[in-house]
Amino acid sequence: MNLSKVLIVDDNIDLAQALEVRLCANDYQTLVARDGSSAVALALDEMPFAILLDLHLPDEDGLAVMQRFRSFPELSSVQIIVVSADCSPVTQHKALEQGAHAFLEKPVNHHLLLHTLRDIQMRSTDPEHLKATTHTYPL
């Protein structure tokens, strides 16, 4: 697992590019997938440390994609950050219950995103901070 690689899974090209620019400017390597099938294949090939996952993808629901990620043991430690405009309490609860590390509302607050990624990196490298937590950020 590479602690600088982030997989962006979103069919919105403009949003994905904006996330890429911001992450690259902060020394992250980015990978982009536009649908669930290519996202799973790319994650298995590249082993990112985090995945930014939209919930509304063209081929399947983002929560189903998250379950597919979790079905591969080699991806079990990859942290998933749900990024969605659908930010109802029910949707947030479902995402966190199914194993998302955090839930961020679109449009993404870049400072909050960078803080979340740094938190994941710290937990991955510092045994004192490995306790699992989930975060929902205020809208």
N, C-alpha and C. Protein backbone atom coordinates (compact mmCIF):
# COMPACT_ATOMS: atom_id res chain seq x y z
N MET A 1 0.85 -1.18 0.00
CA MET A 1 0.00 0.00 0.00
C MET A 1 0.89 1.24 0.00
N ASN A 2 0.58 2.16 -0.87
CA ASN A 2 1.34 3.39 -1.00
C ASN A 2 0.60 4.50 -0.26
N LEU A 3 1.24 5.07 0.76
CA LEU A 3 0.58 6.07 1.60
C LEU A 3 0.46 7.45 0.95
N SER A 4 0.69 7.54 -0.35
CA SER A 4 0.43 8.80 -1.03
C SER A 4 -0.58 8.64 -2.16
N LYS A 5 -0.98 7.40 -2.47
CA LYS A 5 -1.93 7.16 -3.57
C LYS A 5 -3.37 7.24 -3.08
N VAL A 6 -4.16 8.02 -3.82
CA VAL A 6 -5.58 8.16 -3.53
C VAL A 6 -6.35 7.84 -4.80
N LEU A 7 -7.31 6.95 -4.69
CA LEU A 7 -8.19 6.61 -5.81
C LEU A 7 -9.46 7.44 -5.71
N ILE A 8 -9.76 8.18 -6.77
CA ILE A 8 -10.98 8.99 -6.86
C ILE A 8 -11.96 8.22 -7.74
N VAL A 9 -13.13 7.90 -7.20
CA VAL A 9 -14.15 7.17 -7.95
C VAL A 9 -15.35 8.09 -8.11
N ASP A 10 -15.47 8.68 -9.30
CA ASP A 10 -16.56 9.61 -9.55
C ASP A 10 -16.75 9.74 -11.06
N ASP A 11 -18.00 9.72 -11.50
CA ASP A 11 -18.28 9.87 -12.93
C ASP A 11 -18.38 11.34 -13.35
N ASN A 12 -18.34 12.26 -12.40
CA ASN A 12 -18.34 13.68 -12.71
C ASN A 12 -16.90 14.11 -13.02
N ILE A 13 -16.62 14.31 -14.29
CA ILE A 13 -15.25 14.59 -14.73
C ILE A 13 -14.71 15.87 -14.10
N ASP A 14 -15.52 16.91 -14.03
CA ASP A 14 -15.07 18.18 -13.48
C ASP A 14 -14.70 18.04 -12.00
N LEU A 15 -15.53 17.36 -11.24
CA LEU A 15 -15.25 17.17 -9.82
C LEU A 15 -13.99 16.32 -9.64
N ALA A 16 -13.87 15.25 -10.39
CA ALA A 16 -12.69 14.39 -10.28
C ALA A 16 -11.42 15.17 -10.61
N GLN A 17 -11.47 16.02 -11.63
CA GLN A 17 -10.29 16.82 -11.99
C GLN A 17 -9.96 17.83 -10.90
N ALA A 18 -10.97 18.44 -10.31
CA ALA A 18 -10.74 19.40 -9.23
C ALA A 18 -10.09 18.71 -8.04
N LEU A 19 -10.56 17.51 -7.71
CA LEU A 19 -9.95 16.76 -6.61
C LEU A 19 -8.51 16.38 -6.95
N GLU A 20 -8.29 15.96 -8.19
CA GLU A 20 -6.93 15.61 -8.63
C GLU A 20 -5.97 16.79 -8.47
N VAL A 21 -6.38 17.95 -8.93
CA VAL A 21 -5.52 19.13 -8.86
C VAL A 21 -5.18 19.45 -7.42
N ARG A 22 -6.19 19.45 -6.56
CA ARG A 22 -5.96 19.79 -5.15
C ARG A 22 -5.06 18.75 -4.47
N LEU A 23 -5.31 17.47 -4.74
CA LEU A 23 -4.50 16.43 -4.10
C LEU A 23 -3.07 16.43 -4.63
N CYS A 24 -2.89 16.60 -5.94
CA CYS A 24 -1.54 16.65 -6.51
C CYS A 24 -0.76 17.84 -5.96
N ALA A 25 -1.43 18.96 -5.74
CA ALA A 25 -0.78 20.15 -5.18
C ALA A 25 -0.32 19.90 -3.74
N ASN A 26 -0.87 18.87 -3.12
CA ASN A 26 -0.50 18.52 -1.74
C ASN A 26 0.25 17.20 -1.68
N ASP A 27 0.93 16.87 -2.77
CA ASP A 27 1.86 15.73 -2.85
C ASP A 27 1.21 14.35 -2.78
N TYR A 28 -0.04 14.25 -3.19
CA TYR A 28 -0.68 12.95 -3.31
C TYR A 28 -0.63 12.50 -4.76
N GLN A 29 -0.51 11.21 -4.97
CA GLN A 29 -0.63 10.62 -6.30
C GLN A 29 -2.10 10.26 -6.47
N THR A 30 -2.67 10.57 -7.61
CA THR A 30 -4.09 10.29 -7.81
C THR A 30 -4.32 9.28 -8.92
N LEU A 31 -5.35 8.52 -8.73
CA LEU A 31 -5.86 7.58 -9.72
C LEU A 31 -7.34 7.91 -9.87
N VAL A 32 -7.89 7.76 -11.06
CA VAL A 32 -9.30 8.09 -11.26
C VAL A 32 -10.01 6.95 -11.95
N ALA A 33 -11.18 6.60 -11.42
CA ALA A 33 -12.07 5.62 -12.04
C ALA A 33 -13.43 6.27 -12.16
N ARG A 34 -14.12 5.98 -13.24
CA ARG A 34 -15.43 6.60 -13.49
C ARG A 34 -16.60 5.70 -13.12
N ASP A 35 -16.31 4.42 -12.79
CA ASP A 35 -17.39 3.49 -12.43
C ASP A 35 -16.85 2.46 -11.44
N GLY A 36 -17.76 1.70 -10.88
CA GLY A 36 -17.40 0.73 -9.84
C GLY A 36 -16.49 -0.38 -10.32
N SER A 37 -16.75 -0.92 -11.50
CA SER A 37 -15.95 -2.05 -11.99
C SER A 37 -14.50 -1.65 -12.20
N SER A 38 -14.28 -0.53 -12.85
CA SER A 38 -12.89 -0.11 -13.07
C SER A 38 -12.24 0.33 -11.76
N ALA A 39 -13.03 0.85 -10.82
CA ALA A 39 -12.48 1.26 -9.53
C ALA A 39 -11.92 0.07 -8.76
N VAL A 40 -12.65 -1.03 -8.74
CA VAL A 40 -12.19 -2.22 -8.02
C VAL A 40 -10.91 -2.76 -8.67
N ALA A 41 -10.90 -2.84 -9.99
CA ALA A 41 -9.72 -3.34 -10.70
C ALA A 41 -8.52 -2.44 -10.45
N LEU A 42 -8.72 -1.13 -10.50
CA LEU A 42 -7.63 -0.18 -10.28
C LEU A 42 -7.12 -0.25 -8.84
N ALA A 43 -8.02 -0.38 -7.89
CA ALA A 43 -7.61 -0.48 -6.49
C ALA A 43 -6.76 -1.73 -6.27
N LEU A 44 -7.16 -2.84 -6.86
CA LEU A 44 -6.39 -4.08 -6.71
C LEU A 44 -5.02 -3.97 -7.36
N ASP A 45 -4.93 -3.29 -8.48
CA ASP A 45 -3.65 -3.12 -9.18
C ASP A 45 -2.72 -2.14 -8.48
N GLU A 46 -3.28 -1.04 -7.97
CA GLU A 46 -2.47 0.08 -7.48
C GLU A 46 -2.35 0.18 -5.96
N MET A 47 -3.25 -0.45 -5.23
CA MET A 47 -3.24 -0.45 -3.77
C MET A 47 -3.10 0.95 -3.14
N PRO A 48 -4.09 1.81 -3.35
CA PRO A 48 -4.05 3.14 -2.73
C PRO A 48 -4.26 3.01 -1.22
N PHE A 49 -3.93 4.06 -0.49
CA PHE A 49 -4.21 4.01 0.95
C PHE A 49 -5.61 4.52 1.25
N ALA A 50 -6.19 5.29 0.31
CA ALA A 50 -7.52 5.83 0.52
C ALA A 50 -8.28 5.89 -0.80
N ILE A 51 -9.60 5.80 -0.68
CA ILE A 51 -10.50 5.86 -1.84
C ILE A 51 -11.55 6.93 -1.56
N LEU A 52 -11.70 7.87 -2.49
CA LEU A 52 -12.78 8.85 -2.43
C LEU A 52 -13.89 8.31 -3.31
N LEU A 53 -15.01 7.95 -2.71
CA LEU A 53 -16.05 7.21 -3.41
C LEU A 53 -17.36 7.97 -3.48
N ASP A 54 -17.80 8.26 -4.70
CA ASP A 54 -19.12 8.84 -4.92
C ASP A 54 -20.16 7.74 -4.73
N LEU A 55 -21.35 8.09 -4.32
CA LEU A 55 -22.40 7.08 -4.12
C LEU A 55 -23.24 6.83 -5.36
N HIS A 56 -23.24 7.77 -6.30
CA HIS A 56 -24.09 7.63 -7.49
C HIS A 56 -23.20 7.45 -8.72
N LEU A 57 -22.96 6.20 -9.05
CA LEU A 57 -22.10 5.84 -10.19
C LEU A 57 -22.96 5.27 -11.30
N PRO A 58 -22.48 5.31 -12.53
CA PRO A 58 -23.31 4.86 -13.65
C PRO A 58 -23.62 3.37 -13.67
N ASP A 59 -22.72 2.54 -13.15
CA ASP A 59 -22.94 1.10 -13.26
C ASP A 59 -23.50 0.45 -12.00
N GLU A 60 -23.30 1.07 -10.85
CA GLU A 60 -23.84 0.51 -9.61
C GLU A 60 -23.76 1.53 -8.49
N ASP A 61 -24.51 1.28 -7.46
CA ASP A 61 -24.55 2.13 -6.29
C ASP A 61 -23.20 2.11 -5.57
N GLY A 62 -22.78 3.28 -5.09
CA GLY A 62 -21.50 3.38 -4.39
C GLY A 62 -21.40 2.49 -3.16
N LEU A 63 -22.50 2.28 -2.46
CA LEU A 63 -22.46 1.39 -1.29
C LEU A 63 -22.19 -0.05 -1.72
N ALA A 64 -22.71 -0.45 -2.88
CA ALA A 64 -22.42 -1.79 -3.40
C ALA A 64 -20.95 -1.88 -3.80
N VAL A 65 -20.41 -0.81 -4.35
CA VAL A 65 -18.98 -0.79 -4.71
C VAL A 65 -18.14 -0.91 -3.44
N MET A 66 -18.55 -0.21 -2.39
CA MET A 66 -17.82 -0.29 -1.13
C MET A 66 -17.81 -1.73 -0.61
N GLN A 67 -18.92 -2.43 -0.72
CA GLN A 67 -18.97 -3.84 -0.31
C GLN A 67 -18.03 -4.69 -1.16
N ARG A 68 -17.95 -4.37 -2.45
CA ARG A 68 -17.03 -5.11 -3.32
C ARG A 68 -15.59 -4.87 -2.90
N PHE A 69 -15.24 -3.63 -2.57
CA PHE A 69 -13.89 -3.34 -2.08
C PHE A 69 -13.60 -4.19 -0.84
N ARG A 70 -14.56 -4.23 0.07
CA ARG A 70 -14.38 -4.94 1.34
C ARG A 70 -14.32 -6.46 1.15
N SER A 71 -14.78 -6.97 0.02
CA SER A 71 -14.76 -8.41 -0.20
C SER A 71 -13.37 -8.94 -0.55
N PHE A 72 -12.43 -8.04 -0.83
CA PHE A 72 -11.06 -8.44 -1.14
C PHE A 72 -10.18 -8.21 0.09
N PRO A 73 -9.60 -9.28 0.65
CA PRO A 73 -8.77 -9.12 1.84
C PRO A 73 -7.63 -8.11 1.66
N GLU A 74 -7.06 -8.06 0.46
CA GLU A 74 -5.95 -7.14 0.22
C GLU A 74 -6.37 -5.67 0.24
N LEU A 75 -7.67 -5.40 0.15
CA LEU A 75 -8.18 -4.03 0.21
C LEU A 75 -8.81 -3.71 1.57
N SER A 76 -8.75 -4.62 2.50
CA SER A 76 -9.45 -4.44 3.78
C SER A 76 -8.92 -3.26 4.59
N SER A 77 -7.65 -2.90 4.42
CA SER A 77 -7.12 -1.78 5.19
C SER A 77 -7.18 -0.45 4.46
N VAL A 78 -7.67 -0.46 3.22
CA VAL A 78 -7.82 0.77 2.46
C VAL A 78 -9.02 1.54 3.02
N GLN A 79 -8.80 2.79 3.38
CA GLN A 79 -9.87 3.58 3.98
C GLN A 79 -10.70 4.24 2.88
N ILE A 80 -12.01 4.20 3.06
CA ILE A 80 -12.93 4.76 2.08
C ILE A 80 -13.57 6.01 2.66
N ILE A 81 -13.48 7.09 1.89
CA ILE A 81 -14.12 8.35 2.24
C ILE A 81 -15.25 8.55 1.23
N VAL A 82 -16.46 8.52 1.70
CA VAL A 82 -17.60 8.74 0.81
C VAL A 82 -17.70 10.23 0.55
N VAL A 83 -17.84 10.58 -0.73
CA VAL A 83 -17.99 11.96 -1.17
C VAL A 83 -19.27 12.02 -1.99
N SER A 84 -20.29 12.69 -1.45
CA SER A 84 -21.58 12.66 -2.12
C SER A 84 -22.39 13.92 -1.86
N ALA A 85 -23.24 14.26 -2.82
CA ALA A 85 -24.20 15.34 -2.64
C ALA A 85 -25.42 14.85 -1.86
N ASP A 86 -25.60 13.54 -1.84
CA ASP A 86 -26.70 12.92 -1.09
C ASP A 86 -26.24 12.76 0.35
N CYS A 87 -26.49 13.79 1.14
CA CYS A 87 -25.94 13.80 2.50
C CYS A 87 -27.01 13.71 3.58
N SER A 88 -28.09 13.03 3.28
CA SER A 88 -29.12 12.86 4.30
C SER A 88 -28.56 12.04 5.46
N PRO A 89 -29.10 12.21 6.65
CA PRO A 89 -28.63 11.43 7.79
C PRO A 89 -28.72 9.92 7.54
N VAL A 90 -29.74 9.47 6.85
CA VAL A 90 -29.90 8.04 6.56
C VAL A 90 -28.76 7.56 5.67
N THR A 91 -28.44 8.33 4.63
CA THR A 91 -27.35 7.95 3.72
C THR A 91 -26.02 7.95 4.45
N GLN A 92 -25.77 8.97 5.25
CA GLN A 92 -24.52 9.03 6.02
C GLN A 92 -24.41 7.83 6.94
N HIS A 93 -25.49 7.52 7.63
CA HIS A 93 -25.49 6.39 8.56
C HIS A 93 -25.19 5.08 7.83
N LYS A 94 -25.83 4.86 6.69
CA LYS A 94 -25.58 3.64 5.91
C LYS A 94 -24.13 3.53 5.50
N ALA A 95 -23.57 4.63 5.00
CA ALA A 95 -22.17 4.61 4.55
C ALA A 95 -21.21 4.31 5.69
N LEU A 96 -21.40 4.96 6.82
CA LEU A 96 -20.51 4.74 7.96
C LEU A 96 -20.71 3.34 8.55
N GLU A 97 -21.96 2.89 8.58
CA GLU A 97 -22.26 1.56 9.09
C GLU A 97 -21.60 0.47 8.23
N GLN A 98 -21.51 0.72 6.93
CA GLN A 98 -20.92 -0.26 6.02
C GLN A 98 -19.39 -0.14 5.92
N GLY A 99 -18.81 0.74 6.72
CA GLY A 99 -17.35 0.76 6.81
C GLY A 99 -16.64 1.96 6.25
N ALA A 100 -17.35 3.01 5.86
CA ALA A 100 -16.66 4.22 5.40
C ALA A 100 -15.93 4.86 6.58
N HIS A 101 -14.76 5.40 6.32
CA HIS A 101 -13.99 6.09 7.35
C HIS A 101 -14.61 7.46 7.64
N ALA A 102 -15.09 8.11 6.57
CA ALA A 102 -15.67 9.44 6.71
C ALA A 102 -16.68 9.68 5.60
N PHE A 103 -17.50 10.70 5.78
CA PHE A 103 -18.49 11.09 4.80
C PHE A 103 -18.34 12.59 4.58
N LEU A 104 -18.02 13.00 3.35
CA LEU A 104 -17.86 14.41 3.03
C LEU A 104 -18.90 14.81 1.99
N GLU A 105 -19.47 15.99 2.20
CA GLU A 105 -20.48 16.50 1.29
C GLU A 105 -19.84 17.17 0.08
N LYS A 106 -20.48 16.98 -1.10
CA LYS A 106 -20.08 17.73 -2.29
C LYS A 106 -20.77 19.08 -2.25
N PRO A 107 -20.15 20.15 -2.67
CA PRO A 107 -18.75 20.22 -3.10
C PRO A 107 -17.83 20.04 -1.89
N VAL A 108 -16.73 19.38 -2.12
CA VAL A 108 -15.83 18.98 -1.04
C VAL A 108 -15.08 20.18 -0.47
N ASN A 109 -15.08 20.26 0.84
CA ASN A 109 -14.23 21.23 1.54
C ASN A 109 -12.83 20.66 1.51
N HIS A 110 -11.94 21.29 0.75
CA HIS A 110 -10.61 20.71 0.53
C HIS A 110 -9.76 20.65 1.80
N HIS A 111 -9.92 21.62 2.69
CA HIS A 111 -9.18 21.57 3.95
C HIS A 111 -9.61 20.36 4.78
N LEU A 112 -10.89 20.11 4.81
CA LEU A 112 -11.42 18.96 5.54
C LEU A 112 -10.96 17.65 4.90
N LEU A 113 -10.95 17.60 3.57
CA LEU A 113 -10.47 16.42 2.87
C LEU A 113 -9.01 16.16 3.20
N LEU A 114 -8.18 17.17 3.13
CA LEU A 114 -6.75 16.99 3.42
C LEU A 114 -6.54 16.57 4.87
N HIS A 115 -7.30 17.15 5.78
CA HIS A 115 -7.21 16.76 7.19
C HIS A 115 -7.58 15.27 7.35
N THR A 116 -8.63 14.85 6.68
CA THR A 116 -9.08 13.46 6.77
C THR A 116 -8.01 12.51 6.22
N LEU A 117 -7.41 12.86 5.08
CA LEU A 117 -6.36 12.02 4.50
C LEU A 117 -5.14 11.95 5.42
N ARG A 118 -4.77 13.07 5.99
CA ARG A 118 -3.61 13.06 6.92
C ARG A 118 -3.92 12.23 8.16
N ASP A 119 -5.15 12.28 8.62
CA ASP A 119 -5.57 11.46 9.76
C ASP A 119 -5.41 9.97 9.43
N ILE A 120 -5.83 9.59 8.24
CA ILE A 120 -5.71 8.19 7.82
C ILE A 120 -4.24 7.80 7.72
N GLN A 121 -3.41 8.67 7.15
CA GLN A 121 -1.98 8.37 7.05
C GLN A 121 -1.36 8.20 8.43
N MET A 122 -1.71 9.07 9.35
CA MET A 122 -1.16 8.98 10.70
C MET A 122 -1.56 7.66 11.35
N ARG A 123 -2.81 7.28 11.19
CA ARG A 123 -3.28 6.03 11.78
C ARG A 123 -2.61 4.82 11.14
N SER A 124 -2.22 4.96 9.88
CA SER A 124 -1.58 3.85 9.17
C SER A 124 -0.12 3.68 9.56
N THR A 125 0.52 4.74 10.02
CA THR A 125 1.95 4.68 10.32
C THR A 125 2.27 4.68 11.81
N ASP A 126 1.33 5.09 12.65
CA ASP A 126 1.58 5.20 14.08
C ASP A 126 0.71 4.19 14.83
N PRO A 127 1.32 3.14 15.39
CA PRO A 127 0.54 2.10 16.07
C PRO A 127 -0.33 2.63 17.21
N GLU A 128 0.03 3.77 17.79
CA GLU A 128 -0.77 4.34 18.88
C GLU A 128 -2.10 4.90 18.36
N HIS A 129 -2.20 5.13 17.06
CA HIS A 129 -3.40 5.75 16.50
C HIS A 129 -4.16 4.81 15.57
N LEU A 130 -3.99 3.52 15.74
CA LEU A 130 -4.62 2.58 14.83
C LEU A 130 -6.07 2.24 15.19
N LYS A 131 -6.55 2.72 16.31
CA LYS A 131 -7.93 2.43 16.67
C LYS A 131 -8.87 2.99 15.61
N ALA A 132 -9.81 2.17 15.19
CA ALA A 132 -10.73 2.58 14.12
C ALA A 132 -11.71 3.63 14.62
N THR A 133 -11.91 4.62 13.82
CA THR A 133 -12.93 5.61 14.09
C THR A 133 -13.63 5.95 12.79
N THR A 134 -14.81 6.48 12.91
CA THR A 134 -15.49 6.97 11.73
C THR A 134 -15.87 8.40 11.98
N HIS A 135 -15.94 9.17 10.92
CA HIS A 135 -16.20 10.59 11.04
C HIS A 135 -17.34 10.98 10.11
N THR A 136 -18.21 11.80 10.64
CA THR A 136 -19.20 12.48 9.82
C THR A 136 -18.96 13.96 10.07
N TYR A 137 -18.77 14.70 9.01
CA TYR A 137 -18.47 16.10 9.18
C TYR A 137 -19.72 16.93 8.97
N PRO A 138 -19.87 18.00 9.77
CA PRO A 138 -21.07 18.82 9.68
C PRO A 138 -21.23 19.42 8.29
N LEU A 139 -22.48 19.58 7.93
CA LEU A 139 -22.80 20.11 6.59
C LEU A 139 -22.80 21.62 6.59
